[in-house]
Amino acid sequence: MNFSGVILSAVLVLLLSLTAQCRKIDCKSVCCTFVEGFPARLKELRSSYKEILKFYDSNDDNDALIDGTVQHNINGPYGCHVVDEILRFYLDTVLPTAVKKNRAHTKTHIDSIGNIFQSLQRDMVKCRKHFSCQKPFEITSFKNSYEKMADTGVNKAMGELDLLFMYIEQFVASKRGMH
């Protein structure tokens, strides 16, 4: 996705969220509460990410890891499985590696991202029916790209968290009003 595509996507998500904020939703289910409360989690994710972005941006010279294929799959009928698989990959592989490899001041922010990812993953599993999950997402090519980057893969994966946040935000925003 080129820069103008990212900007256009961000503007669309912003418009969706502003429109959604104009109407008050009276949630009667856990899934409604999850969807309506997601903007607050996203704000926390972006705040922690902002604190570590400079470090990862300065150490990243790889091709894109989170690309249009990931966005296409998140926006498709398998979106919840894509989000689940990618969150699991970050929780099991990327974030633990980032904590081991980096300075102490980034650990708190990486832990914060990890805690929110765990909570997000747990809530996504609870709300599978709400999200109309279908066939599981195949994450193998994503993992293979990460592994080919060897030691610099963690820099790429951490440096692209903003894209992942945006794709997840678009997915969750697309489910608003389904409760």
N, C-alpha and C. Protein backbone atom coordinates (compact mmCIF):
# COMPACT_ATOMS: atom_id res chain seq x y z
N MET A 1 0.86 -1.16 0.00
CA MET A 1 0.00 0.00 0.00
C MET A 1 0.90 1.22 0.00
N ASN A 2 0.60 2.17 -0.89
CA ASN A 2 1.42 3.37 -0.94
C ASN A 2 0.97 4.37 0.11
N PHE A 3 1.74 5.44 0.22
CA PHE A 3 1.48 6.42 1.28
C PHE A 3 0.09 7.03 1.15
N SER A 4 -0.33 7.37 -0.08
CA SER A 4 -1.66 7.97 -0.24
C SER A 4 -2.76 6.98 0.13
N GLY A 5 -2.53 5.70 -0.11
CA GLY A 5 -3.51 4.68 0.29
C GLY A 5 -3.63 4.60 1.80
N VAL A 6 -2.50 4.70 2.49
CA VAL A 6 -2.50 4.68 3.96
C VAL A 6 -3.26 5.90 4.48
N ILE A 7 -2.99 7.05 3.90
CA ILE A 7 -3.67 8.28 4.33
C ILE A 7 -5.17 8.17 4.08
N LEU A 8 -5.55 7.68 2.89
CA LEU A 8 -6.97 7.53 2.57
C LEU A 8 -7.65 6.58 3.55
N SER A 9 -6.99 5.46 3.85
CA SER A 9 -7.54 4.51 4.81
C SER A 9 -7.71 5.14 6.18
N ALA A 10 -6.73 5.89 6.59
CA ALA A 10 -6.80 6.55 7.90
C ALA A 10 -7.94 7.55 7.95
N VAL A 11 -8.12 8.30 6.87
CA VAL A 11 -9.21 9.27 6.82
C VAL A 11 -10.56 8.56 6.87
N LEU A 12 -10.70 7.45 6.14
CA LEU A 12 -11.95 6.69 6.17
C LEU A 12 -12.25 6.16 7.56
N VAL A 13 -11.24 5.63 8.22
CA VAL A 13 -11.43 5.12 9.57
C VAL A 13 -11.81 6.26 10.51
N LEU A 14 -11.16 7.39 10.36
CA LEU A 14 -11.47 8.55 11.20
C LEU A 14 -12.93 8.98 10.99
N LEU A 15 -13.35 9.03 9.74
CA LEU A 15 -14.74 9.40 9.46
C LEU A 15 -15.71 8.40 10.06
N LEU A 16 -15.39 7.11 9.92
CA LEU A 16 -16.25 6.08 10.52
C LEU A 16 -16.33 6.25 12.03
N SER A 17 -15.20 6.50 12.65
CA SER A 17 -15.20 6.62 14.10
C SER A 17 -15.92 7.89 14.55
N LEU A 18 -15.77 8.98 13.82
CA LEU A 18 -16.48 10.21 14.18
C LEU A 18 -17.98 10.03 14.02
N THR A 19 -18.40 9.38 12.95
CA THR A 19 -19.81 9.11 12.73
C THR A 19 -20.35 8.23 13.84
N ALA A 20 -19.59 7.21 14.19
CA ALA A 20 -20.02 6.29 15.24
C ALA A 20 -20.09 6.97 16.60
N GLN A 21 -19.19 7.93 16.84
CA GLN A 21 -19.20 8.62 18.13
C GLN A 21 -20.41 9.53 18.28
N CYS A 22 -21.02 9.92 17.17
CA CYS A 22 -22.18 10.81 17.22
C CYS A 22 -23.42 10.09 17.73
N ARG A 23 -23.45 8.78 17.63
CA ARG A 23 -24.60 8.04 18.12
C ARG A 23 -24.20 7.24 19.34
N LYS A 24 -25.02 7.26 20.34
CA LYS A 24 -24.74 6.52 21.56
C LYS A 24 -25.28 5.10 21.41
N ILE A 25 -24.45 4.14 21.68
CA ILE A 25 -24.82 2.73 21.59
C ILE A 25 -25.03 2.21 23.01
N ASP A 26 -26.17 1.60 23.23
CA ASP A 26 -26.46 0.98 24.51
C ASP A 26 -26.13 -0.51 24.39
N CYS A 27 -24.94 -0.89 24.82
CA CYS A 27 -24.48 -2.27 24.66
C CYS A 27 -25.15 -3.20 25.66
N LYS A 28 -25.57 -4.33 25.14
CA LYS A 28 -26.19 -5.36 25.97
C LYS A 28 -25.41 -6.68 25.88
N SER A 29 -24.29 -6.65 25.20
CA SER A 29 -23.50 -7.88 25.08
C SER A 29 -22.02 -7.56 25.24
N VAL A 30 -21.25 -8.58 25.55
CA VAL A 30 -19.81 -8.45 25.69
C VAL A 30 -19.18 -8.01 24.37
N CYS A 31 -19.70 -8.53 23.26
CA CYS A 31 -19.13 -8.21 21.96
C CYS A 31 -19.40 -6.76 21.57
N CYS A 32 -20.57 -6.27 21.88
CA CYS A 32 -20.88 -4.86 21.63
C CYS A 32 -19.93 -3.98 22.44
N THR A 33 -19.76 -4.31 23.70
CA THR A 33 -18.86 -3.56 24.58
C THR A 33 -17.44 -3.59 24.04
N PHE A 34 -17.01 -4.76 23.54
CA PHE A 34 -15.67 -4.90 22.95
C PHE A 34 -15.51 -3.97 21.75
N VAL A 35 -16.46 -4.01 20.82
CA VAL A 35 -16.38 -3.20 19.61
C VAL A 35 -16.43 -1.72 19.95
N GLU A 36 -17.35 -1.33 20.80
CA GLU A 36 -17.51 0.09 21.14
C GLU A 36 -16.35 0.60 21.99
N GLY A 37 -15.70 -0.28 22.76
CA GLY A 37 -14.58 0.12 23.60
C GLY A 37 -13.23 0.04 22.90
N PHE A 38 -13.22 -0.46 21.68
CA PHE A 38 -11.95 -0.64 20.98
C PHE A 38 -11.19 0.66 20.76
N PRO A 39 -11.84 1.78 20.43
CA PRO A 39 -11.07 3.01 20.24
C PRO A 39 -10.19 3.38 21.44
N ALA A 40 -10.64 3.11 22.65
CA ALA A 40 -9.82 3.41 23.83
C ALA A 40 -8.58 2.52 23.86
N ARG A 41 -8.76 1.24 23.52
CA ARG A 41 -7.61 0.33 23.48
C ARG A 41 -6.63 0.76 22.39
N LEU A 42 -7.17 1.16 21.26
CA LEU A 42 -6.33 1.59 20.16
C LEU A 42 -5.52 2.82 20.55
N LYS A 43 -6.12 3.71 21.28
CA LYS A 43 -5.41 4.91 21.76
C LYS A 43 -4.24 4.50 22.65
N GLU A 44 -4.47 3.53 23.54
CA GLU A 44 -3.38 3.04 24.41
C GLU A 44 -2.28 2.38 23.58
N LEU A 45 -2.67 1.57 22.58
CA LEU A 45 -1.68 0.92 21.72
C LEU A 45 -0.82 1.96 21.01
N ARG A 46 -1.45 2.95 20.44
CA ARG A 46 -0.72 3.97 19.69
C ARG A 46 0.17 4.80 20.61
N SER A 47 -0.28 5.04 21.81
CA SER A 47 0.53 5.79 22.77
C SER A 47 1.81 5.03 23.12
N SER A 48 1.69 3.74 23.41
CA SER A 48 2.88 2.92 23.71
C SER A 48 3.78 2.80 22.49
N TYR A 49 3.17 2.61 21.35
CA TYR A 49 3.93 2.46 20.11
C TYR A 49 4.73 3.73 19.80
N LYS A 50 4.12 4.88 20.02
CA LYS A 50 4.79 6.15 19.75
C LYS A 50 6.10 6.26 20.53
N GLU A 51 6.11 5.69 21.74
CA GLU A 51 7.30 5.76 22.59
C GLU A 51 8.46 4.89 22.09
N ILE A 52 8.17 3.89 21.26
CA ILE A 52 9.24 3.00 20.79
C ILE A 52 9.48 3.10 19.29
N LEU A 53 8.63 3.83 18.57
CA LEU A 53 8.70 3.89 17.11
C LEU A 53 10.05 4.35 16.60
N LYS A 54 10.59 5.41 17.18
CA LYS A 54 11.85 5.97 16.69
C LYS A 54 12.96 4.92 16.68
N PHE A 55 13.02 4.13 17.75
CA PHE A 55 14.05 3.09 17.83
C PHE A 55 13.89 2.09 16.69
N TYR A 56 12.68 1.61 16.46
CA TYR A 56 12.47 0.59 15.44
C TYR A 56 12.55 1.14 14.03
N ASP A 57 12.11 2.37 13.82
CA ASP A 57 12.23 2.98 12.51
C ASP A 57 13.69 3.15 12.12
N SER A 58 14.53 3.55 13.06
CA SER A 58 15.94 3.79 12.76
C SER A 58 16.71 2.49 12.52
N ASN A 59 16.16 1.35 12.93
CA ASN A 59 16.84 0.07 12.76
C ASN A 59 16.15 -0.83 11.73
N ASP A 60 15.37 -0.25 10.83
CA ASP A 60 14.61 -1.03 9.86
C ASP A 60 15.00 -0.65 8.45
N ASP A 61 15.54 -1.61 7.72
CA ASP A 61 15.85 -1.37 6.30
C ASP A 61 15.33 -2.53 5.43
N ASN A 62 14.32 -3.23 5.89
CA ASN A 62 13.74 -4.35 5.17
C ASN A 62 12.53 -3.93 4.35
N ASP A 63 12.12 -4.83 3.45
CA ASP A 63 10.87 -4.64 2.72
C ASP A 63 9.71 -4.79 3.69
N ALA A 64 8.53 -4.43 3.26
CA ALA A 64 7.33 -4.49 4.10
C ALA A 64 7.04 -5.92 4.55
N LEU A 65 6.64 -6.06 5.78
CA LEU A 65 6.18 -7.34 6.33
C LEU A 65 4.65 -7.33 6.38
N ILE A 66 4.09 -6.28 6.92
CA ILE A 66 2.64 -6.12 6.94
C ILE A 66 2.29 -5.34 5.68
N ASP A 67 1.75 -6.06 4.71
CA ASP A 67 1.51 -5.44 3.41
C ASP A 67 0.03 -5.48 3.04
N GLY A 68 -0.27 -5.15 1.79
CA GLY A 68 -1.63 -5.13 1.31
C GLY A 68 -2.32 -6.48 1.40
N THR A 69 -1.56 -7.57 1.34
CA THR A 69 -2.16 -8.90 1.46
C THR A 69 -2.77 -9.08 2.85
N VAL A 70 -2.06 -8.62 3.85
CA VAL A 70 -2.57 -8.71 5.22
C VAL A 70 -3.85 -7.86 5.33
N GLN A 71 -3.81 -6.64 4.81
CA GLN A 71 -4.99 -5.78 4.87
C GLN A 71 -6.16 -6.42 4.12
N HIS A 72 -5.90 -6.95 2.94
CA HIS A 72 -6.96 -7.59 2.15
C HIS A 72 -7.59 -8.75 2.94
N ASN A 73 -6.75 -9.55 3.57
CA ASN A 73 -7.26 -10.69 4.35
C ASN A 73 -8.02 -10.25 5.60
N ILE A 74 -7.56 -9.20 6.26
CA ILE A 74 -8.27 -8.69 7.43
C ILE A 74 -9.64 -8.16 7.02
N ASN A 75 -9.71 -7.52 5.87
CA ASN A 75 -10.98 -6.95 5.41
C ASN A 75 -11.88 -8.00 4.74
N GLY A 76 -11.38 -9.20 4.55
CA GLY A 76 -12.16 -10.25 3.91
C GLY A 76 -12.98 -11.05 4.91
N PRO A 77 -13.58 -12.13 4.43
CA PRO A 77 -14.45 -12.93 5.30
C PRO A 77 -13.70 -13.68 6.40
N TYR A 78 -12.38 -13.70 6.34
CA TYR A 78 -11.58 -14.42 7.34
C TYR A 78 -10.92 -13.47 8.32
N GLY A 79 -11.39 -12.24 8.35
CA GLY A 79 -10.74 -11.18 9.13
C GLY A 79 -10.44 -11.52 10.56
N CYS A 80 -11.39 -12.15 11.25
CA CYS A 80 -11.14 -12.43 12.67
C CYS A 80 -10.03 -13.46 12.84
N HIS A 81 -9.93 -14.41 11.91
CA HIS A 81 -8.85 -15.40 11.99
C HIS A 81 -7.50 -14.77 11.66
N VAL A 82 -7.50 -13.84 10.71
CA VAL A 82 -6.26 -13.14 10.37
C VAL A 82 -5.77 -12.37 11.59
N VAL A 83 -6.66 -11.60 12.20
CA VAL A 83 -6.29 -10.83 13.38
C VAL A 83 -5.81 -11.76 14.49
N ASP A 84 -6.52 -12.85 14.72
CA ASP A 84 -6.15 -13.81 15.76
C ASP A 84 -4.76 -14.39 15.50
N GLU A 85 -4.50 -14.82 14.27
CA GLU A 85 -3.19 -15.43 13.94
C GLU A 85 -2.06 -14.42 14.06
N ILE A 86 -2.29 -13.20 13.59
CA ILE A 86 -1.22 -12.20 13.66
C ILE A 86 -0.97 -11.78 15.10
N LEU A 87 -2.04 -11.62 15.88
CA LEU A 87 -1.84 -11.30 17.30
C LEU A 87 -1.07 -12.41 17.99
N ARG A 88 -1.41 -13.66 17.71
CA ARG A 88 -0.69 -14.80 18.30
C ARG A 88 0.79 -14.77 17.90
N PHE A 89 1.06 -14.48 16.63
CA PHE A 89 2.44 -14.40 16.16
C PHE A 89 3.20 -13.30 16.90
N TYR A 90 2.59 -12.14 17.04
CA TYR A 90 3.25 -11.05 17.77
C TYR A 90 3.46 -11.44 19.23
N LEU A 91 2.46 -12.05 19.84
CA LEU A 91 2.56 -12.43 21.26
C LEU A 91 3.58 -13.53 21.49
N ASP A 92 3.66 -14.50 20.59
CA ASP A 92 4.55 -15.65 20.77
C ASP A 92 5.97 -15.41 20.26
N THR A 93 6.11 -14.57 19.25
CA THR A 93 7.41 -14.44 18.58
C THR A 93 7.99 -13.02 18.64
N VAL A 94 7.27 -12.07 18.08
CA VAL A 94 7.82 -10.72 17.89
C VAL A 94 8.05 -10.00 19.21
N LEU A 95 7.04 -9.88 20.04
CA LEU A 95 7.19 -9.10 21.28
C LEU A 95 8.21 -9.70 22.24
N PRO A 96 8.21 -11.04 22.45
CA PRO A 96 9.26 -11.59 23.33
C PRO A 96 10.67 -11.34 22.79
N THR A 97 10.83 -11.42 21.47
CA THR A 97 12.14 -11.15 20.88
C THR A 97 12.51 -9.68 21.06
N ALA A 98 11.54 -8.80 20.87
CA ALA A 98 11.80 -7.36 21.04
C ALA A 98 12.22 -7.04 22.47
N VAL A 99 11.59 -7.67 23.44
CA VAL A 99 11.94 -7.44 24.85
C VAL A 99 13.37 -7.91 25.12
N LYS A 100 13.74 -9.07 24.59
CA LYS A 100 15.09 -9.61 24.82
C LYS A 100 16.17 -8.76 24.17
N LYS A 101 15.89 -8.21 22.99
CA LYS A 101 16.92 -7.54 22.20
C LYS A 101 17.11 -6.07 22.50
N ASN A 102 16.23 -5.45 23.25
CA ASN A 102 16.27 -4.00 23.31
C ASN A 102 16.45 -3.44 24.70
N ARG A 103 16.63 -2.13 24.70
CA ARG A 103 16.90 -1.40 25.93
C ARG A 103 15.76 -1.50 26.94
N ALA A 104 16.08 -1.29 28.17
CA ALA A 104 15.11 -1.42 29.26
C ALA A 104 13.95 -0.44 29.14
N HIS A 105 14.18 0.75 28.61
CA HIS A 105 13.09 1.73 28.56
C HIS A 105 12.00 1.35 27.56
N THR A 106 12.29 0.46 26.62
CA THR A 106 11.25 0.03 25.68
C THR A 106 10.42 -1.12 26.24
N LYS A 107 10.95 -1.82 27.24
CA LYS A 107 10.26 -3.00 27.79
C LYS A 107 8.86 -2.67 28.31
N THR A 108 8.72 -1.59 29.03
CA THR A 108 7.41 -1.21 29.58
C THR A 108 6.40 -1.00 28.46
N HIS A 109 6.81 -0.32 27.40
CA HIS A 109 5.90 -0.04 26.29
C HIS A 109 5.58 -1.32 25.51
N ILE A 110 6.56 -2.18 25.33
CA ILE A 110 6.33 -3.45 24.64
C ILE A 110 5.41 -4.33 25.49
N ASP A 111 5.62 -4.35 26.79
CA ASP A 111 4.72 -5.10 27.69
C ASP A 111 3.29 -4.58 27.61
N SER A 112 3.14 -3.27 27.54
CA SER A 112 1.81 -2.67 27.43
C SER A 112 1.12 -3.12 26.14
N ILE A 113 1.84 -3.09 25.05
CA ILE A 113 1.30 -3.56 23.77
C ILE A 113 0.92 -5.03 23.89
N GLY A 114 1.78 -5.83 24.49
CA GLY A 114 1.51 -7.26 24.67
C GLY A 114 0.27 -7.52 25.51
N ASN A 115 0.11 -6.77 26.59
CA ASN A 115 -1.07 -6.93 27.45
C ASN A 115 -2.36 -6.60 26.70
N ILE A 116 -2.33 -5.53 25.93
CA ILE A 116 -3.51 -5.15 25.16
C ILE A 116 -3.77 -6.19 24.07
N PHE A 117 -2.71 -6.68 23.42
CA PHE A 117 -2.88 -7.73 22.40
C PHE A 117 -3.50 -8.98 23.01
N GLN A 118 -3.06 -9.37 24.22
CA GLN A 118 -3.64 -10.56 24.87
C GLN A 118 -5.13 -10.34 25.14
N SER A 119 -5.47 -9.19 25.65
CA SER A 119 -6.87 -8.87 25.93
C SER A 119 -7.68 -8.83 24.64
N LEU A 120 -7.13 -8.22 23.62
CA LEU A 120 -7.79 -8.14 22.33
C LEU A 120 -8.02 -9.54 21.75
N GLN A 121 -7.02 -10.38 21.81
CA GLN A 121 -7.14 -11.74 21.29
C GLN A 121 -8.20 -12.52 22.07
N ARG A 122 -8.21 -12.40 23.35
CA ARG A 122 -9.20 -13.09 24.20
C ARG A 122 -10.62 -12.64 23.82
N ASP A 123 -10.81 -11.33 23.65
CA ASP A 123 -12.13 -10.81 23.29
C ASP A 123 -12.54 -11.22 21.88
N MET A 124 -11.59 -11.27 20.97
CA MET A 124 -11.90 -11.71 19.60
C MET A 124 -12.38 -13.16 19.61
N VAL A 125 -11.76 -14.00 20.42
CA VAL A 125 -12.17 -15.41 20.51
C VAL A 125 -13.60 -15.50 21.07
N LYS A 126 -13.89 -14.71 22.10
CA LYS A 126 -15.24 -14.72 22.69
C LYS A 126 -16.30 -14.27 21.68
N CYS A 127 -15.91 -13.43 20.76
CA CYS A 127 -16.89 -12.81 19.85
C CYS A 127 -16.82 -13.37 18.43
N ARG A 128 -16.32 -14.58 18.27
CA ARG A 128 -16.21 -15.18 16.93
C ARG A 128 -17.55 -15.16 16.18
N LYS A 129 -18.63 -15.48 16.85
CA LYS A 129 -19.95 -15.48 16.18
C LYS A 129 -20.34 -14.07 15.77
N HIS A 130 -20.05 -13.11 16.61
CA HIS A 130 -20.36 -11.71 16.31
C HIS A 130 -19.64 -11.26 15.04
N PHE A 131 -18.42 -11.71 14.86
CA PHE A 131 -17.62 -11.31 13.70
C PHE A 131 -17.84 -12.21 12.49
N SER A 132 -18.72 -13.19 12.60
CA SER A 132 -19.02 -14.10 11.49
C SER A 132 -17.75 -14.72 10.92
N CYS A 133 -16.93 -15.27 11.79
CA CYS A 133 -15.67 -15.87 11.36
C CYS A 133 -15.91 -17.06 10.44
N GLN A 134 -15.08 -17.14 9.42
CA GLN A 134 -15.15 -18.26 8.50
C GLN A 134 -13.82 -19.00 8.52
N LYS A 135 -13.43 -19.53 7.40
CA LYS A 135 -12.23 -20.34 7.25
C LYS A 135 -10.99 -19.65 7.86
N PRO A 136 -10.16 -20.42 8.56
CA PRO A 136 -8.95 -19.85 9.18
C PRO A 136 -7.98 -19.24 8.16
N PHE A 137 -7.26 -18.25 8.61
CA PHE A 137 -6.23 -17.56 7.84
C PHE A 137 -4.94 -18.38 7.87
N GLU A 138 -4.25 -18.45 6.77
CA GLU A 138 -2.98 -19.16 6.69
C GLU A 138 -1.85 -18.14 6.88
N ILE A 139 -1.17 -18.24 7.99
CA ILE A 139 -0.14 -17.24 8.34
C ILE A 139 1.27 -17.67 7.91
N THR A 140 1.40 -18.81 7.29
CA THR A 140 2.72 -19.36 6.96
C THR A 140 3.58 -18.40 6.15
N SER A 141 3.04 -17.78 5.09
CA SER A 141 3.88 -16.91 4.26
C SER A 141 4.32 -15.68 5.05
N PHE A 142 3.47 -15.18 5.94
CA PHE A 142 3.82 -14.05 6.79
C PHE A 142 4.99 -14.43 7.70
N LYS A 143 4.88 -15.60 8.34
CA LYS A 143 5.95 -16.07 9.22
C LYS A 143 7.24 -16.32 8.44
N ASN A 144 7.13 -16.88 7.23
CA ASN A 144 8.31 -17.15 6.41
C ASN A 144 9.03 -15.85 6.06
N SER A 145 8.27 -14.81 5.71
CA SER A 145 8.89 -13.51 5.42
C SER A 145 9.63 -12.98 6.64
N TYR A 146 9.02 -13.11 7.79
CA TYR A 146 9.64 -12.67 9.04
C TYR A 146 10.94 -13.43 9.28
N GLU A 147 10.90 -14.74 9.14
CA GLU A 147 12.09 -15.56 9.40
C GLU A 147 13.21 -15.29 8.41
N LYS A 148 12.89 -14.97 7.15
CA LYS A 148 13.91 -14.65 6.15
C LYS A 148 14.68 -13.38 6.53
N MET A 149 14.03 -12.52 7.28
CA MET A 149 14.69 -11.27 7.69
C MET A 149 15.67 -11.50 8.83
N ALA A 150 15.68 -12.71 9.36
CA ALA A 150 16.59 -13.10 10.44
C ALA A 150 16.50 -12.11 11.61
N ASP A 151 17.66 -11.63 12.07
CA ASP A 151 17.70 -10.77 13.26
C ASP A 151 17.00 -9.43 13.06
N THR A 152 16.87 -8.99 11.82
CA THR A 152 16.23 -7.69 11.58
C THR A 152 14.71 -7.81 11.45
N GLY A 153 14.19 -9.01 11.47
CA GLY A 153 12.74 -9.22 11.36
C GLY A 153 11.97 -8.56 12.48
N VAL A 154 12.53 -8.59 13.68
CA VAL A 154 11.84 -7.97 14.81
C VAL A 154 11.73 -6.46 14.61
N ASN A 155 12.76 -5.84 14.03
CA ASN A 155 12.70 -4.41 13.76
C ASN A 155 11.59 -4.10 12.75
N LYS A 156 11.49 -4.93 11.72
CA LYS A 156 10.45 -4.73 10.71
C LYS A 156 9.07 -4.93 11.34
N ALA A 157 8.89 -6.01 12.06
CA ALA A 157 7.58 -6.31 12.66
C ALA A 157 7.17 -5.23 13.66
N MET A 158 8.09 -4.79 14.47
CA MET A 158 7.77 -3.74 15.45
C MET A 158 7.56 -2.40 14.74
N GLY A 159 8.33 -2.13 13.71
CA GLY A 159 8.22 -0.88 12.97
C GLY A 159 6.92 -0.74 12.20
N GLU A 160 6.26 -1.85 11.94
CA GLU A 160 5.01 -1.83 11.19
C GLU A 160 3.77 -2.02 12.07
N LEU A 161 3.93 -1.93 13.36
CA LEU A 161 2.77 -2.07 14.25
C LEU A 161 1.69 -1.06 13.95
N ASP A 162 2.07 0.15 13.51
CA ASP A 162 1.05 1.16 13.19
C ASP A 162 0.12 0.69 12.08
N LEU A 163 0.67 -0.02 11.08
CA LEU A 163 -0.17 -0.58 10.02
C LEU A 163 -1.10 -1.65 10.57
N LEU A 164 -0.57 -2.49 11.43
CA LEU A 164 -1.41 -3.53 12.03
C LEU A 164 -2.53 -2.90 12.84
N PHE A 165 -2.21 -1.88 13.63
CA PHE A 165 -3.24 -1.19 14.42
C PHE A 165 -4.34 -0.67 13.49
N MET A 166 -3.92 -0.04 12.37
CA MET A 166 -4.89 0.53 11.45
C MET A 166 -5.77 -0.56 10.83
N TYR A 167 -5.18 -1.69 10.44
CA TYR A 167 -5.95 -2.78 9.83
C TYR A 167 -6.94 -3.37 10.83
N ILE A 168 -6.50 -3.55 12.06
CA ILE A 168 -7.40 -4.08 13.09
C ILE A 168 -8.50 -3.07 13.37
N GLU A 169 -8.13 -1.79 13.42
CA GLU A 169 -9.13 -0.75 13.65
C GLU A 169 -10.19 -0.77 12.54
N GLN A 170 -9.77 -0.90 11.29
CA GLN A 170 -10.71 -0.96 10.17
C GLN A 170 -11.62 -2.17 10.31
N PHE A 171 -11.06 -3.29 10.68
CA PHE A 171 -11.85 -4.51 10.85
C PHE A 171 -12.90 -4.34 11.94
N VAL A 172 -12.47 -3.86 13.10
CA VAL A 172 -13.41 -3.69 14.21
C VAL A 172 -14.45 -2.63 13.86
N ALA A 173 -14.03 -1.54 13.23
CA ALA A 173 -14.98 -0.48 12.86
C ALA A 173 -16.02 -1.01 11.87
N SER A 174 -15.63 -1.93 11.03
CA SER A 174 -16.59 -2.49 10.06
C SER A 174 -17.67 -3.31 10.74
N LYS A 175 -17.46 -3.70 11.98
CA LYS A 175 -18.42 -4.52 12.72
C LYS A 175 -19.33 -3.68 13.61
N ARG A 176 -19.14 -2.37 13.61
CA ARG A 176 -19.99 -1.49 14.43
C ARG A 176 -21.41 -1.58 13.92
N GLY A 177 -22.33 -1.48 14.82
CA GLY A 177 -23.74 -1.51 14.46
C GLY A 177 -24.29 -2.89 14.19
N MET A 178 -23.49 -3.93 14.40
CA MET A 178 -23.94 -5.30 14.18
C MET A 178 -24.56 -5.89 15.43
N HIS A 179 -24.71 -5.13 16.49
CA HIS A 179 -25.19 -5.66 17.76
C HIS A 179 -26.64 -5.33 17.97
